[in-house]
Structure formats: C-alpha cells, structure tokens
C-alpha cells in the first residue's frame, strides 16, 4: 500500500470501499427485493473491521445490523427489523449458527 507525505493511505481507497459497498448493497437488495434492507435502505458505515447498517438517528434509537461484510450487516439488519415487527413472545430465537454476522439489539429508551 502506498503512503502519501502525511503518512496516510491515499483517499482514493476510501472511495473504492464506498463504491464497492454501494455495489454490494445493490446486489443484495436486487436478490431480495422485499427485504427490509431493499425497502428501507439503511445507511452503511465501516468501523474498524465491521460494516454497520443503520436505520434511524443513531445506534441507540435505530435498527442496527453489524457484520464483517456489507451482506452480513444487511442480513443482520433484516433480522433485527423483522424481530421488531414480532410480538414480544415471538422474539426469543434459537442460538446463532453462523459466526459470519453479528446482530446487536439495543434497548429502546423508555418514554416518560
């Protein structure tokens, strides 16, 4: 990897990741046109080694999916979105079989 005078990688790399992420999201949504990701189009972020799909103002109040790839984050987002539509008694799910994606369900703040 090339490093510029400031000791950082060229900015073009960031653009390459963004373009690749948009393409991967487009392919994912085209293959699953009725999925929550395709219908709601969450924002994508890359933090550390993980992709984050977020619908809402922030991680605490929104619906979030996290995974090592864009597709894994979108699958986790879809699962969380659909889990939010079920009644509280239906939300208990079996253990996660795959280690490819990770889902985080954040508690919603209580209203006064």
PDB file of N, CA and C in Angstrom:
ATOM      1  N   UNK A   1       0.849  -1.178   0.000  1.00  0.00           N
ATOM      2  CA  UNK A   1       0.000   0.000   0.000  1.00  0.00           C
ATOM      3  C   UNK A   1       0.887   1.231   0.000  1.00  0.00           C
ATOM      4  N   UNK A   2       0.518   2.189  -0.829  1.00  0.00           N
ATOM      5  CA  UNK A   2       1.258   3.427  -0.898  1.00  0.00           C
ATOM      6  C   UNK A   2       0.851   4.354   0.232  1.00  0.00           C
ATOM      7  N   UNK A   3       1.818   5.150   0.662  1.00  0.00           N
ATOM      8  CA  UNK A   3       1.559   6.116   1.719  1.00  0.00           C
ATOM      9  C   UNK A   3       1.939   7.488   1.183  1.00  0.00           C
ATOM     10  N   UNK A   4       1.093   8.498   1.432  1.00  0.00           N
ATOM     11  CA  UNK A   4       1.416   9.841   0.964  1.00  0.00           C
ATOM     12  C   UNK A   4       2.333  10.548   1.959  1.00  0.00           C
ATOM     13  N   UNK A   5       2.618  11.816   1.711  1.00  0.00           N
ATOM     14  CA  UNK A   5       3.567  12.572   2.539  1.00  0.00           C
ATOM     15  C   UNK A   5       3.126  12.695   3.991  1.00  0.00           C
ATOM     16  N   UNK A   6       1.839  12.637   4.249  1.00  0.00           N
ATOM     17  CA  UNK A   6       1.347  12.768   5.625  1.00  0.00           C
ATOM     18  C   UNK A   6       1.375  11.437   6.370  1.00  0.00           C
ATOM     19  N   UNK A   7       1.775  10.366   5.676  1.00  0.00           N
ATOM     20  CA  UNK A   7       1.831   9.054   6.326  1.00  0.00           C
ATOM     21  C   UNK A   7       0.532   8.286   6.239  1.00  0.00           C
ATOM     22  N   UNK A   8      -0.426   8.781   5.466  1.00  0.00           N
ATOM     23  CA  UNK A   8      -1.731   8.134   5.320  1.00  0.00           C
ATOM     24  C   UNK A   8      -1.867   7.533   3.933  1.00  0.00           C
ATOM     25  N   UNK A   9      -2.729   6.541   3.835  1.00  0.00           N
ATOM     26  CA  UNK A   9      -3.033   5.957   2.531  1.00  0.00           C
ATOM     27  C   UNK A   9      -3.792   6.980   1.694  1.00  0.00           C
ATOM     28  N   UNK A  10      -3.677   6.921   0.391  1.00  0.00           N
ATOM     29  CA  UNK A  10      -4.410   7.873  -0.456  1.00  0.00           C
ATOM     30  C   UNK A  10      -5.915   7.789  -0.232  1.00  0.00           C
ATOM     31  N   UNK A  11      -6.607   8.911  -0.368  1.00  0.00           N
ATOM     32  CA  UNK A  11      -8.057   8.966  -0.148  1.00  0.00           C
ATOM     33  C   UNK A  11      -8.823   8.108  -1.140  1.00  0.00           C
ATOM     34  N   UNK A  12      -8.239   7.810  -2.265  1.00  0.00           N
ATOM     35  CA  UNK A  12      -8.907   7.011  -3.274  1.00  0.00           C
ATOM     36  C   UNK A  12      -9.367   5.674  -2.709  1.00  0.00           C
ATOM     37  N   UNK A  13      -8.640   5.108  -1.775  1.00  0.00           N
ATOM     38  CA  UNK A  13      -9.012   3.828  -1.156  1.00  0.00           C
ATOM     39  C   UNK A  13     -10.379   3.921  -0.490  1.00  0.00           C
ATOM     40  N   UNK A  14     -10.657   5.031   0.194  1.00  0.00           N
ATOM     41  CA  UNK A  14     -11.945   5.210   0.854  1.00  0.00           C
ATOM     42  C   UNK A  14     -13.056   5.219  -0.190  1.00  0.00           C
ATOM     43  N   UNK A  15     -12.843   5.905  -1.276  1.00  0.00           N
ATOM     44  CA  UNK A  15     -13.832   5.972  -2.344  1.00  0.00           C
ATOM     45  C   UNK A  15     -14.051   4.575  -2.919  1.00  0.00           C
ATOM     46  N   UNK A  16     -12.961   3.795  -3.095  1.00  0.00           N
ATOM     47  CA  UNK A  16     -13.097   2.433  -3.599  1.00  0.00           C
ATOM     48  C   UNK A  16     -13.981   1.606  -2.675  1.00  0.00           C
ATOM     49  N   UNK A  17     -13.784   1.706  -1.362  1.00  0.00           N
ATOM     50  CA  UNK A  17     -14.618   0.974  -0.412  1.00  0.00           C
ATOM     51  C   UNK A  17     -16.075   1.411  -0.505  1.00  0.00           C
ATOM     52  N   UNK A  18     -16.299   2.710  -0.624  1.00  0.00           N
ATOM     53  CA  UNK A  18     -17.668   3.217  -0.698  1.00  0.00           C
ATOM     54  C   UNK A  18     -18.357   2.702  -1.965  1.00  0.00           C
ATOM     55  N   UNK A  19     -17.656   2.751  -3.083  1.00  0.00           N
ATOM     56  CA  UNK A  19     -18.233   2.255  -4.329  1.00  0.00           C
ATOM     57  C   UNK A  19     -18.524   0.769  -4.274  1.00  0.00           C
ATOM     58  N   UNK A  20     -17.593   0.010  -3.705  1.00  0.00           N
ATOM     59  CA  UNK A  20     -17.789  -1.432  -3.572  1.00  0.00           C
ATOM     60  C   UNK A  20     -18.955  -1.733  -2.635  1.00  0.00           C
ATOM     61  N   UNK A  21     -19.087  -0.952  -1.565  1.00  0.00           N
ATOM     62  CA  UNK A  21     -20.187  -1.165  -0.617  1.00  0.00           C
ATOM     63  C   UNK A  21     -21.530  -0.884  -1.277  1.00  0.00           C
ATOM     64  N   UNK A  22     -21.608   0.184  -2.070  1.00  0.00           N
ATOM     65  CA  UNK A  22     -22.846   0.515  -2.771  1.00  0.00           C
ATOM     66  C   UNK A  22     -23.197  -0.606  -3.749  1.00  0.00           C
ATOM     67  N   UNK A  23     -22.203  -1.109  -4.471  1.00  0.00           N
ATOM     68  CA  UNK A  23     -22.448  -2.205  -5.405  1.00  0.00           C
ATOM     69  C   UNK A  23     -22.922  -3.465  -4.681  1.00  0.00           C
ATOM     70  N   UNK A  24     -22.276  -3.782  -3.547  1.00  0.00           N
ATOM     71  CA  UNK A  24     -22.673  -4.974  -2.797  1.00  0.00           C
ATOM     72  C   UNK A  24     -24.087  -4.823  -2.237  1.00  0.00           C
ATOM     73  N   UNK A  25     -24.428  -3.623  -1.755  1.00  0.00           N
ATOM     74  CA  UNK A  25     -25.776  -3.386  -1.248  1.00  0.00           C
ATOM     75  C   UNK A  25     -26.796  -3.489  -2.384  1.00  0.00           C
ATOM     76  N   UNK A  26     -26.450  -2.963  -3.546  1.00  0.00           N
ATOM     77  CA  UNK A  26     -27.348  -3.032  -4.704  1.00  0.00           C
ATOM     78  C   UNK A  26     -27.607  -4.484  -5.101  1.00  0.00           C
ATOM     79  N   UNK A  27     -26.551  -5.298  -5.136  1.00  0.00           N
ATOM     80  CA  UNK A  27     -26.713  -6.722  -5.466  1.00  0.00           C
ATOM     81  C   UNK A  27     -27.561  -7.431  -4.419  1.00  0.00           C
ATOM     82  N   UNK A  28     -27.292  -7.162  -3.134  1.00  0.00           N
ATOM     83  CA  UNK A  28     -28.044  -7.786  -2.043  1.00  0.00           C
ATOM     84  C   UNK A  28     -29.533  -7.443  -2.168  1.00  0.00           C
ATOM     85  N   UNK A  29     -29.830  -6.183  -2.375  1.00  0.00           N
ATOM     86  CA  UNK A  29     -31.229  -5.736  -2.445  1.00  0.00           C
ATOM     87  C   UNK A  29     -31.923  -6.242  -3.708  1.00  0.00           C
ATOM     88  N   UNK A  30     -31.186  -6.337  -4.820  1.00  0.00           N
ATOM     89  CA  UNK A  30     -31.774  -6.863  -6.054  1.00  0.00           C
ATOM     90  C   UNK A  30     -32.138  -8.343  -5.893  1.00  0.00           C
ATOM     91  N   UNK A  31     -31.321  -9.079  -5.143  1.00  0.00           N
ATOM     92  CA  UNK A  31     -31.586 -10.502  -4.912  1.00  0.00           C
ATOM     93  C   UNK A  31     -32.710 -10.709  -3.895  1.00  0.00           C
ATOM     94  N   UNK A  32     -32.996  -9.702  -3.072  1.00  0.00           N
ATOM     95  CA  UNK A  32     -34.023  -9.787  -2.030  1.00  0.00           C
ATOM     96  C   UNK A  32     -34.887  -8.524  -2.071  1.00  0.00           C
ATOM     97  N   UNK A  33     -35.661  -8.332  -3.136  1.00  0.00           N
ATOM     98  CA  UNK A  33     -36.386  -7.062  -3.315  1.00  0.00           C
ATOM     99  C   UNK A  33     -37.416  -6.741  -2.232  1.00  0.00           C
ATOM    100  N   UNK A  34     -37.937  -7.728  -1.537  1.00  0.00           N
ATOM    101  CA  UNK A  34     -38.916  -7.458  -0.482  1.00  0.00           C
ATOM    102  C   UNK A  34     -38.312  -7.382   0.901  1.00  0.00           C
ATOM    103  N   UNK A  35     -36.995  -7.501   1.008  1.00  0.00           N
ATOM    104  CA  UNK A  35     -36.345  -7.493   2.325  1.00  0.00           C
ATOM    105  C   UNK A  35     -36.396  -6.097   2.938  1.00  0.00           C
ATOM    106  N   UNK A  36     -36.310  -6.014   4.269  1.00  0.00           N
ATOM    107  CA  UNK A  36     -36.267  -4.694   4.905  1.00  0.00           C
ATOM    108  C   UNK A  36     -35.127  -3.823   4.370  1.00  0.00           C
ATOM    109  N   UNK A  37     -33.984  -4.424   4.064  1.00  0.00           N
ATOM    110  CA  UNK A  37     -32.864  -3.643   3.527  1.00  0.00           C
ATOM    111  C   UNK A  37     -33.209  -3.024   2.185  1.00  0.00           C
ATOM    112  N   UNK A  38     -33.871  -3.794   1.321  1.00  0.00           N
ATOM    113  CA  UNK A  38     -34.231  -3.289  -0.002  1.00  0.00           C
ATOM    114  C   UNK A  38     -35.305  -2.217   0.078  1.00  0.00           C
ATOM    115  N   UNK A  39     -36.243  -2.399   0.981  1.00  0.00           N
ATOM    116  CA  UNK A  39     -37.361  -1.457   1.105  1.00  0.00           C
ATOM    117  C   UNK A  39     -36.946  -0.193   1.852  1.00  0.00           C
ATOM    118  N   UNK A  40     -36.209  -0.341   2.946  1.00  0.00           N
ATOM    119  CA  UNK A  40     -35.893   0.800   3.815  1.00  0.00           C
ATOM    120  C   UNK A  40     -34.535   1.442   3.536  1.00  0.00           C
ATOM    121  N   UNK A  41     -33.629   0.748   2.867  1.00  0.00           N
ATOM    122  CA  UNK A  41     -32.295   1.251   2.506  1.00  0.00           C
ATOM    123  C   UNK A  41     -31.556   1.902   3.685  1.00  0.00           C
ATOM    124  N   UNK A  42     -31.095   1.091   4.633  1.00  0.00           N
ATOM    125  CA  UNK A  42     -30.367   1.662   5.774  1.00  0.00           C
ATOM    126  C   UNK A  42     -29.051   2.289   5.334  1.00  0.00           C
ATOM    127  N   UNK A  43     -28.526   3.176   6.147  1.00  0.00           N
ATOM    128  CA  UNK A  43     -27.209   3.770   5.906  1.00  0.00           C
ATOM    129  C   UNK A  43     -26.149   2.720   6.200  1.00  0.00           C
ATOM    130  N   UNK A  44     -25.028   2.784   5.496  1.00  0.00           N
ATOM    131  CA  UNK A  44     -23.914   1.871   5.743  1.00  0.00           C
ATOM    132  C   UNK A  44     -22.727   2.650   6.279  1.00  0.00           C
ATOM    133  N   UNK A  45     -22.080   2.082   7.294  1.00  0.00           N
ATOM    134  CA  UNK A  45     -20.875   2.658   7.874  1.00  0.00           C
ATOM    135  C   UNK A  45     -19.832   1.558   8.004  1.00  0.00           C
ATOM    136  N   UNK A  46     -18.565   1.921   7.943  1.00  0.00           N
ATOM    137  CA  UNK A  46     -17.487   0.963   8.158  1.00  0.00           C
ATOM    138  C   UNK A  46     -16.691   1.444   9.360  1.00  0.00           C
ATOM    139  N   UNK A  47     -16.644   0.640  10.407  1.00  0.00           N
ATOM    140  CA  UNK A  47     -15.920   0.988  11.635  1.00  0.00           C
ATOM    141  C   UNK A  47     -15.023  -0.179  12.026  1.00  0.00           C
ATOM    142  N   UNK A  48     -13.738   0.079  12.115  1.00  0.00           N
ATOM    143  CA  UNK A  48     -12.802  -0.993  12.463  1.00  0.00           C
ATOM    144  C   UNK A  48     -12.817  -2.043  11.371  1.00  0.00           C
ATOM    145  N   UNK A  49     -13.222  -3.221  11.713  1.00  0.00           N
ATOM    146  CA  UNK A  49     -13.309  -4.332  10.764  1.00  0.00           C
ATOM    147  C   UNK A  49     -14.752  -4.686  10.426  1.00  0.00           C
ATOM    148  N   UNK A  50     -15.705  -3.867  10.844  1.00  0.00           N
ATOM    149  CA  UNK A  50     -17.119  -4.229  10.705  1.00  0.00           C
ATOM    150  C   UNK A  50     -17.914  -3.214   9.900  1.00  0.00           C
ATOM    151  N   UNK A  51     -18.897  -3.739   9.166  1.00  0.00           N
ATOM    152  CA  UNK A  51     -19.879  -2.914   8.475  1.00  0.00           C
ATOM    153  C   UNK A  51     -21.103  -2.777   9.369  1.00  0.00           C
ATOM    154  N   UNK A  52     -21.696  -1.588   9.364  1.00  0.00           N
ATOM    155  CA  UNK A  52     -22.877  -1.305  10.176  1.00  0.00           C
ATOM    156  C   UNK A  52     -23.974  -0.798   9.245  1.00  0.00           C
ATOM    157  N   UNK A  53     -25.130  -1.434   9.294  1.00  0.00           N
ATOM    158  CA  UNK A  53     -26.317  -0.973   8.573  1.00  0.00           C
ATOM    159  C   UNK A  53     -27.245  -0.347   9.615  1.00  0.00           C
ATOM    160  N   UNK A  54     -27.607   0.909   9.435  1.00  0.00           N
ATOM    161  CA  UNK A  54     -28.384   1.649  10.435  1.00  0.00           C
ATOM    162  C   UNK A  54     -29.566   2.343   9.800  1.00  0.00           C
ATOM    163  N   UNK A  55     -30.721   2.140  10.401  1.00  0.00           N
ATOM    164  CA  UNK A  55     -31.926   2.885  10.046  1.00  0.00           C
ATOM    165  C   UNK A  55     -32.358   3.614  11.310  1.00  0.00           C
ATOM    166  N   UNK A  56     -32.288   4.912  11.295  1.00  0.00           N
ATOM    167  CA  UNK A  56     -32.650   5.698  12.463  1.00  0.00           C
ATOM    168  C   UNK A  56     -31.593   6.740  12.750  1.00  0.00           C
ATOM    169  N   UNK A  57     -31.837   7.540  13.779  1.00  0.00           N
ATOM    170  CA  UNK A  57     -30.941   8.664  14.062  1.00  0.00           C
ATOM    171  C   UNK A  57     -29.592   8.259  14.657  1.00  0.00           C
ATOM    172  N   UNK A  58     -29.554   7.118  15.363  1.00  0.00           N
ATOM    173  CA  UNK A  58     -28.303   6.689  15.990  1.00  0.00           C
ATOM    174  C   UNK A  58     -28.415   5.213  16.391  1.00  0.00           C
ATOM    175  N   UNK A  59     -27.329   4.661  16.905  1.00  0.00           N
ATOM    176  CA  UNK A  59     -27.317   3.247  17.283  1.00  0.00           C
ATOM    177  C   UNK A  59     -28.280   2.931  18.419  1.00  0.00           C
ATOM    178  N   UNK A  60     -28.493   3.871  19.316  1.00  0.00           N
ATOM    179  CA  UNK A  60     -29.361   3.623  20.464  1.00  0.00           C
ATOM    180  C   UNK A  60     -30.839   3.604  20.078  1.00  0.00           C
ATOM    181  N   UNK A  61     -31.226   4.425  19.132  1.00  0.00           N
ATOM    182  CA  UNK A  61     -32.641   4.560  18.784  1.00  0.00           C
ATOM    183  C   UNK A  61     -33.018   3.864  17.481  1.00  0.00           C
ATOM    184  N   UNK A  62     -32.036   3.447  16.713  1.00  0.00           N
ATOM    185  CA  UNK A  62     -32.316   2.897  15.399  1.00  0.00           C
ATOM    186  C   UNK A  62     -32.332   1.374  15.364  1.00  0.00           C
ATOM    187  N   UNK A  63     -32.516   0.860  14.167  1.00  0.00           N
ATOM    188  CA  UNK A  63     -32.426  -0.571  13.909  1.00  0.00           C
ATOM    189  C   UNK A  63     -31.055  -0.795  13.300  1.00  0.00           C
ATOM    190  N   UNK A  64     -30.297  -1.742  13.856  1.00  0.00           N
ATOM    191  CA  UNK A  64     -28.889  -1.892  13.515  1.00  0.00           C
ATOM    192  C   UNK A  64     -28.576  -3.329  13.125  1.00  0.00           C
ATOM    193  N   UNK A  65     -27.743  -3.487  12.107  1.00  0.00           N
ATOM    194  CA  UNK A  65     -27.173  -4.778  11.746  1.00  0.00           C
ATOM    195  C   UNK A  65     -25.680  -4.603  11.600  1.00  0.00           C
ATOM    196  N   UNK A  66     -24.891  -5.528  12.155  1.00  0.00           N
ATOM    197  CA  UNK A  66     -23.434  -5.429  12.129  1.00  0.00           C
ATOM    198  C   UNK A  66     -22.858  -6.729  11.609  1.00  0.00           C
ATOM    199  N   UNK A  67     -21.859  -6.625  10.731  1.00  0.00           N
ATOM    200  CA  UNK A  67     -21.219  -7.819  10.208  1.00  0.00           C
ATOM    201  C   UNK A  67     -19.892  -7.501   9.540  1.00  0.00           C
ATOM    202  N   UNK A  68     -19.094  -8.525   9.246  1.00  0.00           N
ATOM    203  CA  UNK A  68     -17.776  -8.318   8.633  1.00  0.00           C
ATOM    204  C   UNK A  68     -17.842  -7.940   7.148  1.00  0.00           C
ATOM    205  N   UNK A  69     -19.008  -8.119   6.524  1.00  0.00           N
ATOM    206  CA  UNK A  69     -19.208  -7.716   5.131  1.00  0.00           C
ATOM    207  C   UNK A  69     -20.497  -6.909   5.047  1.00  0.00           C
ATOM    208  N   UNK A  70     -20.679  -6.231   3.925  1.00  0.00           N
ATOM    209  CA  UNK A  70     -21.912  -5.474   3.720  1.00  0.00           C
ATOM    210  C   UNK A  70     -23.106  -6.424   3.761  1.00  0.00           C
ATOM    211  N   UNK A  71     -22.995  -7.549   3.062  1.00  0.00           N
ATOM    212  CA  UNK A  71     -24.107  -8.512   3.035  1.00  0.00           C
ATOM    213  C   UNK A  71     -24.426  -9.037   4.429  1.00  0.00           C
ATOM    214  N   UNK A  72     -23.411  -9.324   5.226  1.00  0.00           N
ATOM    215  CA  UNK A  72     -23.638  -9.823   6.590  1.00  0.00           C
ATOM    216  C   UNK A  72     -24.327  -8.756   7.441  1.00  0.00           C
ATOM    217  N   UNK A  73     -23.919  -7.501   7.297  1.00  0.00           N
ATOM    218  CA  UNK A  73     -24.559  -6.413   8.048  1.00  0.00           C
ATOM    219  C   UNK A  73     -26.016  -6.251   7.608  1.00  0.00           C
ATOM    220  N   UNK A  74     -26.275  -6.383   6.319  1.00  0.00           N
ATOM    221  CA  UNK A  74     -27.649  -6.253   5.825  1.00  0.00           C
ATOM    222  C   UNK A  74     -28.519  -7.427   6.268  1.00  0.00           C
ATOM    223  N   UNK A  75     -27.951  -8.639   6.304  1.00  0.00           N
ATOM    224  CA  UNK A  75     -28.708  -9.793   6.825  1.00  0.00           C
ATOM    225  C   UNK A  75     -29.051  -9.576   8.295  1.00  0.00           C
ATOM    226  N   UNK A  76     -28.088  -9.088   9.066  1.00  0.00           N
ATOM    227  CA  UNK A  76     -28.331  -8.821  10.482  1.00  0.00           C
ATOM    228  C   UNK A  76     -29.367  -7.715  10.652  1.00  0.00           C
ATOM    229  N   UNK A  77     -29.301  -6.685   9.797  1.00  0.00           N
ATOM    230  CA  UNK A  77     -30.290  -5.611   9.824  1.00  0.00           C
ATOM    231  C   UNK A  77     -31.680  -6.169   9.535  1.00  0.00           C
ATOM    232  N   UNK A  78     -31.790  -6.998   8.490  1.00  0.00           N
ATOM    233  CA  UNK A  78     -33.085  -7.592   8.142  1.00  0.00           C
ATOM    234  C   UNK A  78     -33.650  -8.384   9.318  1.00  0.00           C
ATOM    235  N   UNK A  79     -32.797  -9.162   9.973  1.00  0.00           N
ATOM    236  CA  UNK A  79     -33.243  -9.972  11.115  1.00  0.00           C
ATOM    237  C   UNK A  79     -33.745  -9.071  12.247  1.00  0.00           C
ATOM    238  N   UNK A  80     -33.029  -7.992  12.534  1.00  0.00           N
ATOM    239  CA  UNK A  80     -33.449  -7.085  13.604  1.00  0.00           C
ATOM    240  C   UNK A  80     -34.732  -6.348  13.240  1.00  0.00           C
ATOM    241  N   UNK A  81     -34.851  -5.932  12.009  1.00  0.00           N
ATOM    242  CA  UNK A  81     -36.055  -5.239  11.558  1.00  0.00           C
ATOM    243  C   UNK A  81     -37.270  -6.150  11.716  1.00  0.00           C
ATOM    244  N   UNK A  82     -37.141  -7.387  11.241  1.00  0.00           N
ATOM    245  CA  UNK A  82     -38.253  -8.339  11.330  1.00  0.00           C
ATOM    246  C   UNK A  82     -38.541  -8.728  12.775  1.00  0.00           C
ATOM    247  N   UNK A  83     -37.516  -8.822  13.614  1.00  0.00           N
ATOM    248  CA  UNK A  83     -37.718  -9.139  15.028  1.00  0.00           C
ATOM    249  C   UNK A  83     -38.520  -8.035  15.715  1.00  0.00           C
ATOM    250  N   UNK A  84     -38.329  -6.802  15.290  1.00  0.00           N
ATOM    251  CA  UNK A  84     -39.068  -5.682  15.861  1.00  0.00           C
ATOM    252  C   UNK A  84     -40.541  -5.698  15.490  1.00  0.00           C
ATOM    253  N   UNK A  85     -40.888  -6.396  14.405  1.00  0.00           N
ATOM    254  CA  UNK A  85     -42.284  -6.480  13.979  1.00  0.00           C
ATOM    255  C   UNK A  85     -43.052  -7.570  14.711  1.00  0.00           C
ATOM    256  N   UNK A  86     -42.341  -8.516  15.316  1.00  0.00           N
ATOM    257  CA  UNK A  86     -42.992  -9.627  16.017  1.00  0.00           C
ATOM    258  C   UNK A  86     -43.434  -9.194  17.407  1.00  0.00           C
ATOM    259  N   UNK A  87     -44.383  -9.926  17.947  1.00  0.00           N
ATOM    260  CA  UNK A  87     -44.821  -9.644  19.316  1.00  0.00           C
ATOM    261  C   UNK A  87     -43.700 -10.040  20.277  1.00  0.00           C
ATOM    262  N   UNK A  88     -43.672  -9.486  21.489  1.00  0.00           N
ATOM    263  CA  UNK A  88     -42.602  -9.800  22.449  1.00  0.00           C
ATOM    264  C   UNK A  88     -42.449 -11.302  22.708  1.00  0.00           C
ATOM    265  N   UNK A  89     -43.529 -12.076  22.700  1.00  0.00           N
ATOM    266  CA  UNK A  89     -43.433 -13.510  22.951  1.00  0.00           C
ATOM    267  C   UNK A  89     -42.745 -14.256  21.815  1.00  0.00           C
ATOM    268  N   UNK A  90     -42.765 -13.714  20.611  1.00  0.00           N
ATOM    269  CA  UNK A  90     -42.158 -14.364  19.455  1.00  0.00           C
ATOM    270  C   UNK A  90     -40.702 -13.982  19.260  1.00  0.00           C
ATOM    271  N   UNK A  91     -40.160 -13.080  20.048  1.00  0.00           N
ATOM    272  CA  UNK A  91     -38.810 -12.559  19.834  1.00  0.00           C
ATOM    273  C   UNK A  91     -37.704 -13.484  20.313  1.00  0.00           C
ATOM    274  N   UNK A  92     -38.014 -14.495  21.068  1.00  0.00           N
ATOM    275  CA  UNK A  92     -36.990 -15.428  21.524  1.00  0.00           C
ATOM    276  C   UNK A  92     -36.605 -16.285  20.329  1.00  0.00           C
ATOM    277  N   UNK A  93     -35.310 -16.294  19.999  1.00  0.00           N
ATOM    278  CA  UNK A  93     -34.867 -17.033  18.821  1.00  0.00           C
ATOM    279  C   UNK A  93     -33.807 -18.057  19.217  1.00  0.00           C
ATOM    280  N   UNK A  94     -33.600 -19.065  18.371  1.00  0.00           N
ATOM    281  CA  UNK A  94     -32.571 -20.054  18.667  1.00  0.00           C
ATOM    282  C   UNK A  94     -31.189 -19.427  18.580  1.00  0.00           C
ATOM    283  N   UNK A  95     -30.171 -20.097  19.128  1.00  0.00           N
ATOM    284  CA  UNK A  95     -28.819 -19.553  19.064  1.00  0.00           C
ATOM    285  C   UNK A  95     -28.376 -19.360  17.613  1.00  0.00           C
ATOM    286  N   UNK A  96     -27.513 -18.374  17.408  1.00  0.00           N
ATOM    287  CA  UNK A  96     -26.988 -18.090  16.084  1.00  0.00           C
ATOM    288  C   UNK A  96     -26.059 -19.223  15.668  1.00  0.00           C
ATOM    289  N   UNK A  97     -26.278 -19.777  14.464  1.00  0.00           N
ATOM    290  CA  UNK A  97     -25.466 -20.881  13.980  1.00  0.00           C
ATOM    291  C   UNK A  97     -24.186 -20.394  13.302  1.00  0.00           C
ATOM    292  N   UNK A  98     -24.272 -19.294  12.586  1.00  0.00           N
ATOM    293  CA  UNK A  98     -23.141 -18.821  11.810  1.00  0.00           C
ATOM    294  C   UNK A  98     -22.391 -17.739  12.565  1.00  0.00           C
ATOM    295  N   UNK A  99     -21.098 -17.712  12.422  1.00  0.00           N
ATOM    296  CA  UNK A  99     -20.284 -16.661  13.032  1.00  0.00           C
ATOM    297  C   UNK A  99     -19.951 -15.576  12.022  1.00  0.00           C
ATOM    298  N   UNK A 100     -20.582 -15.608  10.841  1.00  0.00           N
ATOM    299  CA  UNK A 100     -20.284 -14.634   9.816  1.00  0.00           C
ATOM    300  C   UNK A 100     -20.888 -13.266  10.103  1.00  0.00           C
ATOM    301  N   UNK A 101     -21.973 -13.219  10.838  1.00  0.00           N
ATOM    302  CA  UNK A 101     -22.546 -11.927  11.152  1.00  0.00           C
ATOM    303  C   UNK A 101     -22.940 -11.881  12.616  1.00  0.00           C
ATOM    304  N   UNK A 102     -23.067 -10.683  13.088  1.00  0.00           N
ATOM    305  CA  UNK A 102     -23.385 -10.466  14.493  1.00  0.00           C
ATOM    306  C   UNK A 102     -24.516  -9.459  14.542  1.00  0.00           C
ATOM    307  N   UNK A 103     -25.491  -9.707  15.370  1.00  0.00           N
ATOM    308  CA  UNK A 103     -26.629  -8.818  15.491  1.00  0.00           C
ATOM    309  C   UNK A 103     -26.644  -8.225  16.885  1.00  0.00           C
ATOM    310  N   UNK A 104     -26.873  -6.941  16.951  1.00  0.00           N
ATOM    311  CA  UNK A 104     -26.934  -6.253  18.238  1.00  0.00           C
ATOM    312  C   UNK A 104     -28.321  -5.665  18.381  1.00  0.00           C
ATOM    313  N   UNK A 105     -29.004  -6.006  19.447  1.00  0.00           N
ATOM    314  CA  UNK A 105     -30.313  -5.411  19.721  1.00  0.00           C
ATOM    315  C   UNK A 105     -30.147  -4.499  20.917  1.00  0.00           C
ATOM    316  N   UNK A 106     -30.254  -3.214  20.666  1.00  0.00           N
ATOM    317  CA  UNK A 106     -30.066  -2.227  21.708  1.00  0.00           C
ATOM    318  C   UNK A 106     -31.409  -1.919  22.358  1.00  0.00           C
ATOM    319  N   UNK A 107     -31.417  -1.714  23.683  1.00  0.00           N
ATOM    320  CA  UNK A 107     -32.676  -1.395  24.342  1.00  0.00           C
ATOM    321  C   UNK A 107     -33.177  -0.017  23.911  1.00  0.00           C
ATOM    322  N   UNK A 108     -34.464   0.085  23.760  1.00  0.00           N
ATOM    323  CA  UNK A 108     -35.065   1.362  23.404  1.00  0.00           C
ATOM    324  C   UNK A 108     -35.297   2.158  24.695  1.00  0.00           C
ATOM    325  N   UNK A 109     -35.044   3.456  24.674  1.00  0.00           N
ATOM    326  CA  UNK A 109     -35.274   4.253  25.870  1.00  0.00           C
ATOM    327  C   UNK A 109     -36.774   4.289  26.201  1.00  0.00           C
ATOM    328  N   UNK A 110     -37.080   4.278  27.468  1.00  0.00           N
ATOM    329  CA  UNK A 110     -38.480   4.334  27.879  1.00  0.00           C
ATOM    330  C   UNK A 110     -38.951   5.777  27.777  1.00  0.00           C
ATOM    331  N   UNK A 111     -40.205   5.932  27.416  1.00  0.00           N
ATOM    332  CA  UNK A 111     -40.754   7.280  27.288  1.00  0.00           C
ATOM    333  C   UNK A 111     -41.393   7.675  28.623  1.00  0.00           C
ATOM    334  N   UNK A 112     -41.314   8.944  28.923  1.00  0.00           N
ATOM    335  CA  UNK A 112     -41.878   9.442  30.181  1.00  0.00           C
ATOM    336  C   UNK A 112     -43.347   9.632  30.067  1.00  0.00           C
TER     337      UNK A 112
END
